[in-house]
Protein backbone atom coordinates (compact mmCIF):
# COMPACT_ATOMS: atom_id res chain seq x y z
CA MET A 1 155.87 220.26 90.71
CA PRO A 2 155.47 223.52 92.58
CA SER A 3 156.64 226.66 90.78
CA GLN A 4 159.86 228.09 92.09
CA PRO A 5 160.47 231.82 92.32
CA PHE A 6 163.78 231.45 90.43
CA PRO A 7 164.95 228.84 87.95
CA THR A 8 167.15 226.13 89.41
CA LEU A 9 170.12 227.45 87.48
CA PHE A 10 170.04 230.54 89.69
CA LEU A 11 169.73 228.41 92.81
CA LEU A 12 172.98 226.61 92.21
CA PRO A 13 175.22 229.50 93.39
CA ALA A 14 172.96 229.95 96.40
CA LEU A 15 173.28 226.30 97.35
CA LEU A 16 177.03 226.39 96.93
CA LEU A 17 177.36 229.48 99.06
CA ALA A 18 174.97 228.37 101.80
CA PRO A 19 176.83 227.30 104.98
CA ALA A 20 176.36 223.72 106.03
CA SER A 21 175.49 223.00 109.71
CA GLY A 22 177.37 219.79 109.79
CA ALA A 23 178.06 216.68 107.85
CA GLY A 24 174.81 215.38 106.52
CA ALA A 25 172.83 217.84 108.63
CA ALA A 26 169.90 219.63 107.06
CA PRO A 27 170.53 223.24 106.23
CA THR A 28 168.94 225.79 108.50
CA GLN A 29 167.35 227.48 105.52
CA THR A 30 165.61 225.82 102.67
CA PRO A 31 166.98 226.54 99.21
CA ALA A 32 163.79 228.40 98.28
CA THR A 33 164.23 230.90 101.12
CA ALA A 34 168.01 231.21 100.83
CA ALA A 35 168.04 231.77 97.09
CA PRO A 36 166.43 235.24 96.93
CA ALA A 37 168.79 236.67 99.54
CA ALA A 38 171.84 235.11 97.92
CA LEU A 39 170.71 236.09 94.43
CA THR A 40 169.91 239.62 95.51
CA SER A 41 173.33 239.85 97.09
CA ASP A 42 175.02 238.35 94.02
CA ALA A 43 172.96 240.48 91.64
CA ALA A 44 173.67 243.60 93.64
CA SER A 45 177.38 242.89 93.76
CA TYR A 46 177.40 242.11 90.02
CA CYS A 47 175.56 245.32 89.24
CA ALA A 48 177.86 247.28 91.52
CA ALA A 49 180.88 245.71 89.86
CA ILE A 50 179.83 246.60 86.32
CA ARG A 51 178.13 249.93 87.03
CA ASP A 52 181.22 252.13 86.61
CA PRO A 53 182.64 250.35 83.53
CA ALA A 54 179.19 250.36 81.91
CA ALA A 55 178.76 254.07 82.62
CA GLU A 56 182.24 254.78 81.25
CA ALA A 57 181.48 252.76 78.12
CA ARG A 58 178.19 254.62 77.65
CA PHE A 59 179.90 257.99 78.13
CA ALA A 60 182.67 256.99 75.71
CA TRP A 61 180.06 255.98 73.11
CA GLN A 62 178.17 259.24 73.62
CA ALA A 63 181.40 261.25 73.37
CA ASN A 64 182.24 259.43 70.14
CA GLN A 65 178.77 260.18 68.76
CA LEU A 66 179.13 263.84 69.73
CA LYS A 67 182.53 264.04 68.01
CA GLY A 68 180.98 262.63 64.85
CA LEU A 69 178.12 265.10 64.98
CA GLU A 70 180.54 267.93 65.70
CA ALA A 71 182.60 266.96 62.65
CA LYS A 72 179.45 266.94 60.50
CA LEU A 73 178.44 270.33 61.88
CA THR A 74 181.90 271.76 61.22
CA GLU A 75 181.78 270.48 57.64
CA THR A 76 178.30 271.94 57.13
CA LEU A 77 179.38 275.30 58.55
CA LYS A 78 182.42 275.28 56.28
CA ARG A 79 180.22 274.65 53.23
CA LEU A 80 177.82 277.40 54.33
CA GLU A 81 180.66 279.88 54.76
CA GLU A 82 181.96 279.01 51.29
CA ARG A 83 178.47 279.49 49.86
CA LYS A 84 178.07 282.78 51.73
CA ALA A 85 181.38 284.05 50.32
CA GLU A 86 180.30 283.00 46.83
CA LEU A 87 176.95 284.77 47.18
CA GLN A 88 178.63 287.89 48.56
CA MET A 89 180.97 287.92 45.57
CA LEU A 90 178.01 287.58 43.19
CA THR A 91 176.12 290.33 45.03
CA ASP A 92 179.11 292.66 44.86
CA GLN A 93 179.55 291.84 41.18
CA ARG A 94 175.87 292.56 40.50
CA ALA A 95 176.03 295.84 42.42
CA ALA A 96 179.05 296.89 40.37
CA GLU A 97 177.22 296.03 37.15
CA VAL A 98 174.15 298.03 38.24
CA LYS A 99 176.32 300.97 39.18
CA GLN A 100 178.06 300.82 35.81
CA ALA A 101 174.71 300.62 33.99
CA GLU A 102 173.37 303.59 35.95
CA ALA A 103 176.49 305.58 35.11
CA ARG A 104 176.10 304.76 31.40
CA MET A 105 172.42 305.68 31.46
CA THR A 106 173.19 308.95 33.21
CA ASP A 107 175.89 309.74 30.64
CA ILE A 108 173.46 309.00 27.81
CA PHE A 109 170.76 311.30 29.22
CA ALA A 110 173.32 314.00 30.08
CA ARG A 111 174.41 314.09 26.43
CA MET A 112 170.89 314.13 25.00
CA ARG A 113 169.14 317.31 24.00
CA PRO A 114 166.86 318.40 26.89
CA ASP A 115 163.66 318.07 24.84
CA ALA A 116 164.51 314.51 23.73
CA ALA A 117 165.52 313.50 27.28
CA ALA A 118 162.30 315.01 28.63
CA LEU A 119 160.25 313.00 26.18
CA GLN A 120 162.04 309.77 27.14
CA LEU A 121 161.88 310.39 30.90
CA SER A 122 158.20 311.32 30.72
CA ALA A 123 157.42 307.92 29.24
CA MET A 124 159.53 306.01 31.82
CA ASP A 125 158.50 304.59 35.13
CA GLN A 126 158.57 307.30 37.77
CA SER A 127 161.18 305.58 39.94
CA VAL A 128 163.56 305.14 36.99
CA ALA A 129 163.00 308.71 35.84
CA VAL A 130 163.72 310.05 39.34
CA ALA A 131 166.87 307.92 39.57
CA VAL A 132 168.17 309.23 36.27
CA LEU A 133 167.27 312.86 37.02
CA SER A 134 168.89 312.73 40.44
CA LYS A 135 172.16 311.51 38.91
CA LEU A 136 172.23 314.16 36.20
CA PRO A 137 174.14 317.36 36.87
CA PRO A 138 171.75 320.02 38.23
CA ARG A 139 171.94 322.18 35.08
CA ALA A 140 171.06 319.23 32.79
CA ALA A 141 168.27 318.03 35.14
CA SER A 142 166.71 321.48 35.24
CA ALA A 143 166.83 321.77 31.44
CA VAL A 144 165.11 318.37 31.10
CA LEU A 145 162.43 319.23 33.70
CA ASN A 146 161.87 322.56 31.90
CA GLU A 147 161.02 320.66 28.70
CA MET A 148 158.57 318.26 30.39
CA GLU A 149 154.86 318.63 30.87
CA ALA A 150 154.40 320.75 34.02
CA SER A 151 152.41 318.18 36.02
CA ARG A 152 154.90 315.36 35.29
CA ALA A 153 157.87 317.63 36.06
CA ALA A 154 156.20 318.63 39.35
CA GLN A 155 155.63 314.96 40.30
CA LEU A 156 159.25 314.05 39.60
CA ALA A 157 160.56 317.13 41.42
CA GLU A 158 158.44 316.32 44.50
CA VAL A 159 159.77 312.78 44.60
CA MET A 160 163.33 313.99 44.07
CA GLY A 161 162.89 316.54 46.85
CA GLY A 162 161.58 313.89 49.24
CA ARG A 163 158.14 315.44 49.65
CA ARG A 164 156.40 312.53 48.00
CA SER A 165 157.28 308.85 47.99
CA LEU A 166 157.43 306.78 44.86
CA PRO A 167 154.05 305.33 43.91
CA THR A 168 153.62 301.57 43.72
CA SER A 169 152.14 301.73 40.21
CA SER A 170 153.89 303.33 37.30
CA SER A 171 152.73 306.77 36.32
CA THR A 172 153.51 307.94 32.83
CA GLY A 173 152.95 311.24 31.23
CA VAL A 174 153.67 312.19 27.67
CA GLN A 175 154.69 315.63 26.59
CA THR A 176 152.01 317.42 24.59
CA ARG A 177 154.05 320.27 23.08
C-alpha cells in the first residue's frame, strides 16, 4: 500500500467537502491531491478561529501569574519594611545607650582628681581618651592634660585639635611622675 501524505482520518472531511461532477462520475481531483488543499484550508480556518481565544486565555493566565507574583512581592516588601523599622528602633536604642554611657563616663572623669584621671586616660586607647577629653569641660580637660606625660598629652591634644588622625593601633603611655 502506498504511503499517503495524511492519514485517512484527515481525508474524510476533504472527501465530504469535495464537489461531485455528477452522479457516479469520477471526481476531477483525486483524494490525494484534494486533501492537502482542503486540510490546509480547514487547518487555517481552525487556527484562525481559535487564535484570539487562545491568545486571550494565555494573556489571562499570564495576568493571573503576575498578580500572584505581585502579591508575593508586596508581602515580601511589607516584611522588609517591618524588619527595617525594627532594626531602626534597635539602632536608635543602641545609640541612646552609647550616648548615656558616654555621658556617665564623662561625669566620672569630670569628678576625678586631675592626676588620677590623667593616669587612667594615659593607659586608655587613644581614641577613647580623646573622646573622653573632648567631652570634658575645658577647665577639667586642661587640668588632666597638665598632669599627663608631655608626649602623651601632646598626642591627645593634636588629635583633639584635628591636626593628627587617630592611629589604627592603640598607643598607650604611662605617667612617670
